[in-house]
Amino acid sequence: MMPRLRDLRRAVFGLAVICGILVMSLTGASRTRAQSTAAPAAEPPLAFEVASIKVNHAADNRVGIRSTPGRFTATGVPLKFLISNAYNVRPFQISGGPNWINTEKYDIDAKMPDGLDGELQKLPLDQRRAKMSQLLQSLLTDRFQLKVSHETKEGPVYNLVVAKNGPLIHEAKPSVDNPDAPKGPDGKPLARNFMRMMPGELQGQSISLEFLAQQLSMQLGRKVIDKTGLKGNYDFDLKWSPEPGAGGMMGGGPPGGGPPGGSPPGAGPGADAPPPPDASGPSIFTAVQEQLGLKLDSAKGPIEMLVIDHVEKPSED
């Protein structure tokens, strides 16, 4: 009996040791897996290396935004318009803030970190725009002490849909193969992914209808939602007779080569301003239907709002 009892105790002890080793092995494996699947540390937001900001006291109403290799410059631009560009919202989607964000104008000259511009040019259009937005947001946070929050409300919108007789626009072709592609003032076809915006006219070369909807939203002062279901990029030259005070002078440029948007509404014409649009032309609603084969339908929908919680005037440098 005694030998059997000792054998039983030895067996139990051996089993306990094996279980202990197994538990430690599983625990170690779990820790290893947890360490290997831990999320990497978040990268710091992009920021300009250096930026000069000055109040613009000029009376000529010249405005503009440019993104050149390694630099971002703005002339005579209100802060509200910079916020609109930085957060990719239209001015009517911004609420709160003091009145000076609409009236005081700024000149900005900002330098990107070395090598960043080259990296941006390698990215797809949407990613490049997102990076530029990060740079502007960092600038506004650092120099204007801007703090914002987001909310969504139900409100009036326009749905961009295909008209009854079908679309009249066609997918973009390379400019060299498409003599009917929209042309700039020099008579040459516009570059791909180019939007030229003028009073009463939108010219697009290889532009998505989602981006067209955003620009129509700027003109109409109401959110426009692309519900056409049409994918790809398109060429178009949309002309209409703008309502007095509607929209504004828009600067041409590649969407994504710089920040989204154009020149602020109400901007005065410069020396090279085009002639005023034909007052006898169609309304923007008629033009969209007759020239593009699309339609703007009134509806109710969600409107994303950007609320300004805090902002300060920057110190000049």
C-alpha atoms as a PDB file:
ATOM      1  CA  MET A   1       0.000   0.000   0.000  1.00  0.00           C
ATOM      2  CA  MET A   2       2.742   2.434   0.925  1.00  0.00           C
ATOM      3  CA  PRO A   3       4.651   2.162  -2.380  1.00  0.00           C
ATOM      4  CA  ARG A   4       1.399   2.720  -4.269  1.00  0.00           C
ATOM      5  CA  LEU A   5       0.648   5.843  -2.200  1.00  0.00           C
ATOM      6  CA  ARG A   6       4.130   7.211  -2.857  1.00  0.00           C
ATOM      7  CA  ASP A   7       3.713   6.529  -6.583  1.00  0.00           C
ATOM      8  CA  LEU A   8       0.366   8.335  -6.546  1.00  0.00           C
ATOM      9  CA  ARG A   9       1.866  11.367  -4.802  1.00  0.00           C
ATOM     10  CA  ARG A  10       4.720  11.471  -7.297  1.00  0.00           C
ATOM     11  CA  ALA A  11       2.260  11.331 -10.184  1.00  0.00           C
ATOM     12  CA  VAL A  12       0.175  14.189  -8.722  1.00  0.00           C
ATOM     13  CA  PHE A  13       3.293  16.305  -8.111  1.00  0.00           C
ATOM     14  CA  GLY A  14       4.538  15.691 -11.678  1.00  0.00           C
ATOM     15  CA  LEU A  15       1.159  16.676 -13.098  1.00  0.00           C
ATOM     16  CA  ALA A  16       1.187  19.888 -11.056  1.00  0.00           C
ATOM     17  CA  VAL A  17       4.643  20.790 -12.378  1.00  0.00           C
ATOM     18  CA  ILE A  18       3.568  20.161 -15.969  1.00  0.00           C
ATOM     19  CA  CYS A  19       0.439  22.312 -15.485  1.00  0.00           C
ATOM     20  CA  GLY A  20       2.541  25.084 -13.962  1.00  0.00           C
ATOM     21  CA  ILE A  21       4.935  25.053 -16.899  1.00  0.00           C
ATOM     22  CA  LEU A  22       1.984  25.066 -19.310  1.00  0.00           C
ATOM     23  CA  VAL A  23       0.356  28.054 -17.539  1.00  0.00           C
ATOM     24  CA  MET A  24       3.619  30.030 -17.570  1.00  0.00           C
ATOM     25  CA  SER A  25       4.119  29.215 -21.249  1.00  0.00           C
ATOM     26  CA  LEU A  26       0.615  30.362 -22.140  1.00  0.00           C
ATOM     27  CA  THR A  27       0.995  33.506 -20.040  1.00  0.00           C
ATOM     28  CA  GLY A  28       4.298  34.325 -21.701  1.00  0.00           C
ATOM     29  CA  ALA A  29       2.823  33.720 -25.142  1.00  0.00           C
ATOM     30  CA  SER A  30      -0.128  35.971 -24.335  1.00  0.00           C
ATOM     31  CA  ARG A  31       2.210  38.729 -23.191  1.00  0.00           C
ATOM     32  CA  THR A  32       4.294  38.327 -26.342  1.00  0.00           C
ATOM     33  CA  ARG A  33       1.203  38.528 -28.524  1.00  0.00           C
ATOM     34  CA  ALA A  34      -0.061  41.556 -26.594  1.00  0.00           C
ATOM     35  CA  GLN A  35       3.272  43.291 -27.029  1.00  0.00           C
ATOM     36  CA  SER A  36       3.464  42.434 -30.733  1.00  0.00           C
ATOM     37  CA  THR A  37      -0.090  43.659 -31.440  1.00  0.00           C
ATOM     38  CA  ALA A  38       0.155  46.863 -29.404  1.00  0.00           C
ATOM     39  CA  ALA A  39      -0.747  49.915 -31.495  1.00  0.00           C
ATOM     40  CA  PRO A  40       2.260  51.970 -32.580  1.00  0.00           C
ATOM     41  CA  ALA A  41       2.666  55.389 -31.014  1.00  0.00           C
ATOM     42  CA  ALA A  42       0.701  58.059 -32.870  1.00  0.00           C
ATOM     43  CA  GLU A  43       2.799  60.294 -35.091  1.00  0.00           C
ATOM     44  CA  PRO A  44       2.833  63.986 -34.166  1.00  0.00           C
ATOM     45  CA  PRO A  45       0.664  66.135 -36.445  1.00  0.00           C
ATOM     46  CA  LEU A  46       2.330  67.793 -39.396  1.00  0.00           C
ATOM     47  CA  ALA A  47       3.345  71.412 -38.871  1.00  0.00           C
ATOM     48  CA  PHE A  48       5.041  74.147 -40.873  1.00  0.00           C
ATOM     49  CA  GLU A  49       8.675  74.661 -39.995  1.00  0.00           C
ATOM     50  CA  VAL A  50       8.246  78.444 -39.753  1.00  0.00           C
ATOM     51  CA  ALA A  51       5.397  80.829 -40.573  1.00  0.00           C
ATOM     52  CA  SER A  52       5.064  84.607 -40.868  1.00  0.00           C
ATOM     53  CA  ILE A  53       1.606  86.097 -40.210  1.00  0.00           C
ATOM     54  CA  LYS A  54       0.792  89.776 -40.726  1.00  0.00           C
ATOM     55  CA  VAL A  55      -2.433  91.787 -40.834  1.00  0.00           C
ATOM     56  CA  ASN A  56      -3.207  92.952 -44.373  1.00  0.00           C
ATOM     57  CA  HIS A  57      -4.175  96.651 -44.427  1.00  0.00           C
ATOM     58  CA  ALA A  58      -4.323  97.000 -48.231  1.00  0.00           C
ATOM     59  CA  ALA A  59      -7.450  98.519 -49.698  1.00  0.00           C
ATOM     60  CA  ASP A  60      -7.284  96.775 -53.085  1.00  0.00           C
ATOM     61  CA  ASN A  61      -9.204  93.669 -51.922  1.00  0.00           C
ATOM     62  CA  ARG A  62      -6.693  91.361 -53.590  1.00  0.00           C
ATOM     63  CA  VAL A  63      -6.913  87.864 -52.186  1.00  0.00           C
ATOM     64  CA  GLY A  64      -5.270  84.584 -52.978  1.00  0.00           C
ATOM     65  CA  ILE A  65      -3.932  81.283 -51.702  1.00  0.00           C
ATOM     66  CA  ARG A  66      -1.033  79.436 -53.293  1.00  0.00           C
ATOM     67  CA  SER A  67       0.883  76.281 -52.561  1.00  0.00           C
ATOM     68  CA  THR A  68       4.287  76.288 -54.260  1.00  0.00           C
ATOM     69  CA  PRO A  69       7.086  73.743 -53.768  1.00  0.00           C
ATOM     70  CA  GLY A  70       7.859  73.770 -50.080  1.00  0.00           C
ATOM     71  CA  ARG A  71       5.743  76.833 -49.215  1.00  0.00           C
ATOM     72  CA  PHE A  72       2.195  77.958 -48.497  1.00  0.00           C
ATOM     73  CA  THR A  73       1.241  81.608 -49.014  1.00  0.00           C
ATOM     74  CA  ALA A  74      -1.987  83.542 -48.506  1.00  0.00           C
ATOM     75  CA  THR A  75      -2.708  87.195 -49.283  1.00  0.00           C
ATOM     76  CA  GLY A  76      -5.546  89.268 -47.830  1.00  0.00           C
ATOM     77  CA  VAL A  77      -7.431  86.218 -46.546  1.00  0.00           C
ATOM     78  CA  PRO A  78      -9.914  86.305 -43.623  1.00  0.00           C
ATOM     79  CA  LEU A  79      -9.381  83.763 -40.857  1.00  0.00           C
ATOM     80  CA  LYS A  80     -12.790  82.190 -41.459  1.00  0.00           C
ATOM     81  CA  PHE A  81     -11.738  81.300 -44.972  1.00  0.00           C
ATOM     82  CA  LEU A  82      -8.501  79.750 -43.693  1.00  0.00           C
ATOM     83  CA  ILE A  83     -10.549  77.674 -41.237  1.00  0.00           C
ATOM     84  CA  SER A  84     -12.810  76.602 -44.095  1.00  0.00           C
ATOM     85  CA  ASN A  85      -9.777  75.425 -46.061  1.00  0.00           C
ATOM     86  CA  ALA A  86      -8.078  73.742 -43.110  1.00  0.00           C
ATOM     87  CA  TYR A  87     -11.116  71.669 -42.114  1.00  0.00           C
ATOM     88  CA  ASN A  88     -12.597  71.215 -45.608  1.00  0.00           C
ATOM     89  CA  VAL A  89     -15.944  72.771 -44.740  1.00  0.00           C
ATOM     90  CA  ARG A  90     -17.837  75.561 -46.428  1.00  0.00           C
ATOM     91  CA  PRO A  91     -18.164  78.916 -44.604  1.00  0.00           C
ATOM     92  CA  PHE A  92     -21.851  78.291 -43.873  1.00  0.00           C
ATOM     93  CA  GLN A  93     -20.799  75.188 -41.920  1.00  0.00           C
ATOM     94  CA  ILE A  94     -18.773  77.287 -39.439  1.00  0.00           C
ATOM     95  CA  SER A  95     -20.479  78.738 -36.377  1.00  0.00           C
ATOM     96  CA  GLY A  96     -19.302  80.814 -33.429  1.00  0.00           C
ATOM     97  CA  GLY A  97     -16.283  83.048 -33.135  1.00  0.00           C
ATOM     98  CA  PRO A  98     -15.930  86.857 -33.019  1.00  0.00           C
ATOM     99  CA  ASN A  99     -16.789  89.030 -36.005  1.00  0.00           C
ATOM    100  CA  TRP A 100     -13.135  89.845 -36.790  1.00  0.00           C
ATOM    101  CA  ILE A 101     -12.640  86.337 -38.222  1.00  0.00           C
ATOM    102  CA  ASN A 102     -14.747  87.602 -41.167  1.00  0.00           C
ATOM    103  CA  THR A 103     -13.415  91.145 -41.477  1.00  0.00           C
ATOM    104  CA  GLU A 104      -9.711  91.124 -40.586  1.00  0.00           C
ATOM    105  CA  LYS A 105      -7.456  89.934 -43.392  1.00  0.00           C
ATOM    106  CA  TYR A 106      -4.053  88.257 -43.135  1.00  0.00           C
ATOM    107  CA  ASP A 107      -0.948  87.636 -45.203  1.00  0.00           C
ATOM    108  CA  ILE A 108       0.765  84.313 -44.452  1.00  0.00           C
ATOM    109  CA  ASP A 109       4.070  82.914 -45.658  1.00  0.00           C
ATOM    110  CA  ALA A 110       4.782  79.428 -44.285  1.00  0.00           C
ATOM    111  CA  LYS A 111       7.628  77.044 -45.026  1.00  0.00           C
ATOM    112  CA  MET A 112       7.166  73.279 -45.024  1.00  0.00           C
ATOM    113  CA  PRO A 113       9.713  70.975 -43.379  1.00  0.00           C
ATOM    114  CA  ASP A 114      12.552  70.001 -45.717  1.00  0.00           C
ATOM    115  CA  GLY A 115      11.614  67.140 -48.004  1.00  0.00           C
ATOM    116  CA  LEU A 116       7.894  67.199 -47.186  1.00  0.00           C
ATOM    117  CA  ASP A 117       6.817  68.686 -50.509  1.00  0.00           C
ATOM    118  CA  GLY A 118       8.517  65.873 -52.393  1.00  0.00           C
ATOM    119  CA  GLU A 119       6.726  63.313 -50.245  1.00  0.00           C
ATOM    120  CA  LEU A 120       3.364  65.021 -50.814  1.00  0.00           C
ATOM    121  CA  GLN A 121       3.735  64.922 -54.584  1.00  0.00           C
ATOM    122  CA  LYS A 122       4.038  61.120 -54.444  1.00  0.00           C
ATOM    123  CA  LEU A 123       0.699  60.733 -52.645  1.00  0.00           C
ATOM    124  CA  PRO A 124      -2.738  60.319 -54.242  1.00  0.00           C
ATOM    125  CA  LEU A 125      -4.808  63.484 -54.497  1.00  0.00           C
ATOM    126  CA  ASP A 126      -7.042  62.820 -51.462  1.00  0.00           C
ATOM    127  CA  GLN A 127      -4.079  61.970 -49.214  1.00  0.00           C
ATOM    128  CA  ARG A 128      -2.181  65.051 -50.360  1.00  0.00           C
ATOM    129  CA  ARG A 129      -5.158  67.257 -49.511  1.00  0.00           C
ATOM    130  CA  ALA A 130      -5.440  65.612 -46.088  1.00  0.00           C
ATOM    131  CA  LYS A 131      -1.767  66.362 -45.341  1.00  0.00           C
ATOM    132  CA  MET A 132      -2.184  69.998 -46.381  1.00  0.00           C
ATOM    133  CA  SER A 133      -5.200  70.249 -44.095  1.00  0.00           C
ATOM    134  CA  GLN A 134      -3.099  68.945 -41.201  1.00  0.00           C
ATOM    135  CA  LEU A 135      -0.477  71.616 -41.843  1.00  0.00           C
ATOM    136  CA  LEU A 136      -3.080  74.393 -41.839  1.00  0.00           C
ATOM    137  CA  GLN A 137      -4.825  73.046 -38.750  1.00  0.00           C
ATOM    138  CA  SER A 138      -1.531  73.004 -36.854  1.00  0.00           C
ATOM    139  CA  LEU A 139      -0.847  76.586 -37.943  1.00  0.00           C
ATOM    140  CA  LEU A 140      -4.260  77.790 -36.760  1.00  0.00           C
ATOM    141  CA  THR A 141      -3.928  75.957 -33.451  1.00  0.00           C
ATOM    142  CA  ASP A 142      -0.438  77.302 -32.771  1.00  0.00           C
ATOM    143  CA  ARG A 143      -0.765  80.904 -33.938  1.00  0.00           C
ATOM    144  CA  PHE A 144      -4.469  81.687 -33.499  1.00  0.00           C
ATOM    145  CA  GLN A 145      -5.007  79.412 -30.472  1.00  0.00           C
ATOM    146  CA  LEU A 146      -7.949  77.945 -32.385  1.00  0.00           C
ATOM    147  CA  LYS A 147     -10.054  75.318 -30.630  1.00  0.00           C
ATOM    148  CA  VAL A 148     -13.013  73.743 -32.405  1.00  0.00           C
ATOM    149  CA  SER A 149     -15.616  71.066 -31.874  1.00  0.00           C
ATOM    150  CA  HIS A 150     -17.872  69.209 -34.278  1.00  0.00           C
ATOM    151  CA  GLU A 151     -21.614  68.670 -34.341  1.00  0.00           C
ATOM    152  CA  THR A 152     -24.173  67.484 -36.877  1.00  0.00           C
ATOM    153  CA  LYS A 153     -27.594  68.997 -37.427  1.00  0.00           C
ATOM    154  CA  GLU A 154     -30.473  68.381 -39.805  1.00  0.00           C
ATOM    155  CA  GLY A 155     -30.969  71.120 -42.369  1.00  0.00           C
ATOM    156  CA  PRO A 156     -31.698  72.019 -45.988  1.00  0.00           C
ATOM    157  CA  VAL A 157     -29.367  70.470 -48.570  1.00  0.00           C
ATOM    158  CA  TYR A 158     -29.285  69.862 -52.302  1.00  0.00           C
ATOM    159  CA  ASN A 159     -28.910  66.349 -53.693  1.00  0.00           C
ATOM    160  CA  LEU A 160     -26.960  66.234 -56.953  1.00  0.00           C
ATOM    161  CA  VAL A 161     -28.685  63.538 -59.029  1.00  0.00           C
ATOM    162  CA  VAL A 162     -28.804  62.413 -62.660  1.00  0.00           C
ATOM    163  CA  ALA A 163     -31.486  64.259 -64.641  1.00  0.00           C
ATOM    164  CA  LYS A 164     -34.378  62.469 -66.333  1.00  0.00           C
ATOM    165  CA  ASN A 165     -32.708  62.201 -69.759  1.00  0.00           C
ATOM    166  CA  GLY A 166     -29.372  60.992 -68.376  1.00  0.00           C
ATOM    167  CA  PRO A 167     -25.979  62.639 -67.896  1.00  0.00           C
ATOM    168  CA  LEU A 168     -24.449  64.805 -70.619  1.00  0.00           C
ATOM    169  CA  ILE A 169     -20.895  64.634 -69.276  1.00  0.00           C
ATOM    170  CA  HIS A 170     -18.343  61.991 -70.154  1.00  0.00           C
ATOM    171  CA  GLU A 171     -15.418  60.552 -68.293  1.00  0.00           C
ATOM    172  CA  ALA A 172     -12.189  62.475 -68.708  1.00  0.00           C
ATOM    173  CA  LYS A 173      -9.596  61.512 -71.296  1.00  0.00           C
ATOM    174  CA  PRO A 174      -5.963  62.636 -71.347  1.00  0.00           C
ATOM    175  CA  SER A 175      -5.849  66.201 -72.666  1.00  0.00           C
ATOM    176  CA  VAL A 176      -3.689  65.220 -75.649  1.00  0.00           C
ATOM    177  CA  ASP A 177      -6.399  62.774 -76.772  1.00  0.00           C
ATOM    178  CA  ASN A 178      -9.329  65.046 -76.019  1.00  0.00           C
ATOM    179  CA  PRO A 179      -9.499  68.261 -78.076  1.00  0.00           C
ATOM    180  CA  ASP A 180     -12.810  69.120 -76.385  1.00  0.00           C
ATOM    181  CA  ALA A 181     -11.257  69.232 -72.874  1.00  0.00           C
ATOM    182  CA  PRO A 182     -11.795  72.583 -71.063  1.00  0.00           C
ATOM    183  CA  LYS A 183      -9.100  75.141 -71.880  1.00  0.00           C
ATOM    184  CA  GLY A 184      -7.512  77.886 -69.814  1.00  0.00           C
ATOM    185  CA  PRO A 185      -7.077  81.579 -70.785  1.00  0.00           C
ATOM    186  CA  ASP A 186      -3.976  80.643 -72.818  1.00  0.00           C
ATOM    187  CA  GLY A 187      -6.020  78.293 -74.995  1.00  0.00           C
ATOM    188  CA  LYS A 188      -4.221  75.193 -73.741  1.00  0.00           C
ATOM    189  CA  PRO A 189      -6.117  72.243 -72.227  1.00  0.00           C
ATOM    190  CA  LEU A 190      -6.301  72.414 -68.451  1.00  0.00           C
ATOM    191  CA  ALA A 191      -4.049  70.072 -66.510  1.00  0.00           C
ATOM    192  CA  ARG A 192      -5.570  66.890 -65.153  1.00  0.00           C
ATOM    193  CA  ASN A 193      -7.241  67.236 -61.746  1.00  0.00           C
ATOM    194  CA  PHE A 194      -7.705  70.964 -62.347  1.00  0.00           C
ATOM    195  CA  MET A 195     -10.647  73.121 -61.298  1.00  0.00           C
ATOM    196  CA  ARG A 196     -10.892  76.716 -62.523  1.00  0.00           C
ATOM    197  CA  MET A 197     -13.507  78.779 -60.701  1.00  0.00           C
ATOM    198  CA  MET A 198     -14.705  82.191 -61.885  1.00  0.00           C
ATOM    199  CA  PRO A 199     -17.889  84.212 -61.415  1.00  0.00           C
ATOM    200  CA  GLY A 200     -20.596  82.271 -63.202  1.00  0.00           C
ATOM    201  CA  GLU A 201     -18.286  79.513 -64.452  1.00  0.00           C
ATOM    202  CA  LEU A 202     -16.748  76.252 -63.260  1.00  0.00           C
ATOM    203  CA  GLN A 203     -14.248  74.524 -65.544  1.00  0.00           C
ATOM    204  CA  GLY A 204     -13.087  71.073 -64.600  1.00  0.00           C
ATOM    205  CA  GLN A 205     -10.534  68.700 -66.074  1.00  0.00           C
ATOM    206  CA  SER A 206     -10.613  65.169 -64.678  1.00  0.00           C
ATOM    207  CA  ILE A 207     -12.704  66.119 -61.627  1.00  0.00           C
ATOM    208  CA  SER A 208     -14.872  63.788 -59.537  1.00  0.00           C
ATOM    209  CA  LEU A 209     -18.541  64.670 -59.114  1.00  0.00           C
ATOM    210  CA  GLU A 210     -18.018  64.608 -55.366  1.00  0.00           C
ATOM    211  CA  PHE A 211     -15.564  67.482 -55.729  1.00  0.00           C
ATOM    212  CA  LEU A 212     -17.934  69.258 -58.133  1.00  0.00           C
ATOM    213  CA  ALA A 213     -20.649  68.981 -55.467  1.00  0.00           C
ATOM    214  CA  GLN A 214     -18.326  70.684 -52.962  1.00  0.00           C
ATOM    215  CA  GLN A 215     -17.754  73.612 -55.330  1.00  0.00           C
ATOM    216  CA  LEU A 216     -21.462  73.930 -56.097  1.00  0.00           C
ATOM    217  CA  SER A 217     -21.991  74.028 -52.355  1.00  0.00           C
ATOM    218  CA  MET A 218     -19.668  77.047 -52.151  1.00  0.00           C
ATOM    219  CA  GLN A 219     -21.635  78.804 -54.897  1.00  0.00           C
ATOM    220  CA  LEU A 220     -25.063  78.043 -53.435  1.00  0.00           C
ATOM    221  CA  GLY A 221     -24.327  78.536 -49.736  1.00  0.00           C
ATOM    222  CA  ARG A 222     -25.911  75.175 -48.983  1.00  0.00           C
ATOM    223  CA  LYS A 223     -24.497  71.679 -48.698  1.00  0.00           C
ATOM    224  CA  VAL A 224     -24.630  69.703 -51.957  1.00  0.00           C
ATOM    225  CA  ILE A 225     -24.461  65.908 -51.686  1.00  0.00           C
ATOM    226  CA  ASP A 226     -23.343  63.827 -54.661  1.00  0.00           C
ATOM    227  CA  LYS A 227     -26.008  61.163 -55.203  1.00  0.00           C
ATOM    228  CA  THR A 228     -25.432  60.607 -58.904  1.00  0.00           C
ATOM    229  CA  GLY A 229     -23.780  57.236 -58.397  1.00  0.00           C
ATOM    230  CA  LEU A 230     -21.350  58.197 -61.172  1.00  0.00           C
ATOM    231  CA  LYS A 231     -17.754  57.252 -60.402  1.00  0.00           C
ATOM    232  CA  GLY A 232     -14.564  58.335 -62.083  1.00  0.00           C
ATOM    233  CA  ASN A 233     -13.431  61.814 -63.171  1.00  0.00           C
ATOM    234  CA  TYR A 234     -15.091  64.125 -65.685  1.00  0.00           C
ATOM    235  CA  ASP A 235     -14.427  67.154 -67.902  1.00  0.00           C
ATOM    236  CA  PHE A 236     -16.950  69.976 -67.916  1.00  0.00           C
ATOM    237  CA  ASP A 237     -17.383  73.703 -68.494  1.00  0.00           C
ATOM    238  CA  LEU A 238     -20.414  74.926 -66.556  1.00  0.00           C
ATOM    239  CA  LYS A 239     -21.607  78.501 -67.219  1.00  0.00           C
ATOM    240  CA  TRP A 240     -24.487  80.384 -65.622  1.00  0.00           C
ATOM    241  CA  SER A 241     -25.594  83.861 -64.599  1.00  0.00           C
ATOM    242  CA  PRO A 242     -24.860  84.216 -60.869  1.00  0.00           C
ATOM    243  CA  GLU A 243     -27.290  85.857 -58.492  1.00  0.00           C
ATOM    244  CA  PRO A 244     -26.060  89.216 -57.102  1.00  0.00           C
ATOM    245  CA  GLY A 245     -23.823  88.490 -54.104  1.00  0.00           C
ATOM    246  CA  ALA A 246     -23.845  84.735 -54.703  1.00  0.00           C
ATOM    247  CA  GLY A 247     -20.594  82.829 -54.673  1.00  0.00           C
ATOM    248  CA  GLY A 248     -17.414  84.798 -55.212  1.00  0.00           C
ATOM    249  CA  MET A 249     -14.272  85.182 -57.214  1.00  0.00           C
ATOM    250  CA  MET A 250     -12.558  81.833 -57.136  1.00  0.00           C
ATOM    251  CA  GLY A 251      -8.884  81.316 -57.813  1.00  0.00           C
ATOM    252  CA  GLY A 252      -7.895  78.588 -60.272  1.00  0.00           C
ATOM    253  CA  GLY A 253      -5.567  75.807 -59.241  1.00  0.00           C
ATOM    254  CA  PRO A 254      -5.275  72.067 -58.860  1.00  0.00           C
ATOM    255  CA  PRO A 255      -7.553  70.714 -56.133  1.00  0.00           C
ATOM    256  CA  GLY A 256      -5.075  69.115 -53.825  1.00  0.00           C
ATOM    257  CA  GLY A 257      -2.027  70.951 -55.105  1.00  0.00           C
ATOM    258  CA  GLY A 258      -2.943  73.357 -52.334  1.00  0.00           C
ATOM    259  CA  PRO A 259      -5.640  73.386 -49.700  1.00  0.00           C
ATOM    260  CA  PRO A 260      -9.246  72.865 -50.739  1.00  0.00           C
ATOM    261  CA  GLY A 261     -11.413  75.768 -51.763  1.00  0.00           C
ATOM    262  CA  GLY A 262     -10.668  78.969 -53.651  1.00  0.00           C
ATOM    263  CA  SER A 263     -10.729  82.659 -52.910  1.00  0.00           C
ATOM    264  CA  PRO A 264     -13.168  83.897 -50.276  1.00  0.00           C
ATOM    265  CA  PRO A 265     -16.631  85.091 -51.198  1.00  0.00           C
ATOM    266  CA  GLY A 266     -16.772  88.814 -51.689  1.00  0.00           C
ATOM    267  CA  ALA A 267     -13.184  89.059 -52.883  1.00  0.00           C
ATOM    268  CA  GLY A 268     -12.620  91.995 -55.174  1.00  0.00           C
ATOM    269  CA  PRO A 269     -11.383  91.519 -58.733  1.00  0.00           C
ATOM    270  CA  GLY A 270      -7.677  91.817 -59.450  1.00  0.00           C
ATOM    271  CA  ALA A 271      -5.939  93.264 -62.471  1.00  0.00           C
ATOM    272  CA  ASP A 272      -6.392  90.045 -64.448  1.00  0.00           C
ATOM    273  CA  ALA A 273     -10.027  89.500 -63.511  1.00  0.00           C
ATOM    274  CA  PRO A 274     -12.158  88.015 -66.319  1.00  0.00           C
ATOM    275  CA  PRO A 275     -15.106  89.964 -67.725  1.00  0.00           C
ATOM    276  CA  PRO A 276     -18.364  89.726 -65.766  1.00  0.00           C
ATOM    277  CA  PRO A 277     -20.676  86.839 -66.707  1.00  0.00           C
ATOM    278  CA  ASP A 278     -23.570  87.314 -69.077  1.00  0.00           C
ATOM    279  CA  ALA A 279     -26.511  88.522 -66.987  1.00  0.00           C
ATOM    280  CA  SER A 280     -28.935  86.981 -69.497  1.00  0.00           C
ATOM    281  CA  GLY A 281     -27.527  83.475 -69.018  1.00  0.00           C
ATOM    282  CA  PRO A 282     -29.295  80.585 -67.258  1.00  0.00           C
ATOM    283  CA  SER A 283     -29.498  80.128 -63.504  1.00  0.00           C
ATOM    284  CA  ILE A 284     -27.058  77.691 -61.945  1.00  0.00           C
ATOM    285  CA  PHE A 285     -29.909  75.176 -61.520  1.00  0.00           C
ATOM    286  CA  THR A 286     -30.837  75.359 -65.214  1.00  0.00           C
ATOM    287  CA  ALA A 287     -27.192  75.236 -66.288  1.00  0.00           C
ATOM    288  CA  VAL A 288     -26.483  72.099 -64.230  1.00  0.00           C
ATOM    289  CA  GLN A 289     -29.429  70.348 -65.884  1.00  0.00           C
ATOM    290  CA  GLU A 290     -28.992  71.579 -69.463  1.00  0.00           C
ATOM    291  CA  GLN A 291     -25.177  71.471 -69.658  1.00  0.00           C
ATOM    292  CA  LEU A 292     -24.315  68.526 -67.396  1.00  0.00           C
ATOM    293  CA  GLY A 293     -27.455  66.401 -67.506  1.00  0.00           C
ATOM    294  CA  LEU A 294     -27.612  66.539 -63.707  1.00  0.00           C
ATOM    295  CA  LYS A 295     -30.102  68.072 -61.309  1.00  0.00           C
ATOM    296  CA  LEU A 296     -30.105  69.804 -57.923  1.00  0.00           C
ATOM    297  CA  ASP A 297     -32.999  68.565 -55.773  1.00  0.00           C
ATOM    298  CA  SER A 298     -33.930  70.283 -52.519  1.00  0.00           C
ATOM    299  CA  ALA A 299     -33.927  67.919 -49.539  1.00  0.00           C
ATOM    300  CA  LYS A 300     -33.250  67.611 -45.835  1.00  0.00           C
ATOM    301  CA  GLY A 301     -30.043  66.024 -44.691  1.00  0.00           C
ATOM    302  CA  PRO A 302     -27.231  65.977 -42.148  1.00  0.00           C
ATOM    303  CA  ILE A 303     -24.978  69.039 -42.102  1.00  0.00           C
ATOM    304  CA  GLU A 304     -21.624  68.753 -40.378  1.00  0.00           C
ATOM    305  CA  MET A 305     -20.919  71.924 -38.408  1.00  0.00           C
ATOM    306  CA  LEU A 306     -17.573  73.191 -37.137  1.00  0.00           C
ATOM    307  CA  VAL A 307     -18.021  75.172 -33.921  1.00  0.00           C
ATOM    308  CA  ILE A 308     -15.361  77.703 -32.930  1.00  0.00           C
ATOM    309  CA  ASP A 309     -14.899  77.308 -29.179  1.00  0.00           C
ATOM    310  CA  HIS A 310     -11.889  79.639 -28.802  1.00  0.00           C
ATOM    311  CA  VAL A 311      -9.729  81.846 -31.023  1.00  0.00           C
ATOM    312  CA  GLU A 312      -7.271  84.708 -30.528  1.00  0.00           C
ATOM    313  CA  LYS A 313      -5.628  87.245 -32.786  1.00  0.00           C
ATOM    314  CA  PRO A 314      -2.044  86.212 -33.525  1.00  0.00           C
ATOM    315  CA  SER A 315       1.012  88.236 -32.611  1.00  0.00           C
ATOM    316  CA  GLU A 316       2.649  89.559 -35.787  1.00  0.00           C
ATOM    317  CA  ASP A 317       6.178  88.514 -36.722  1.00  0.00           C
END
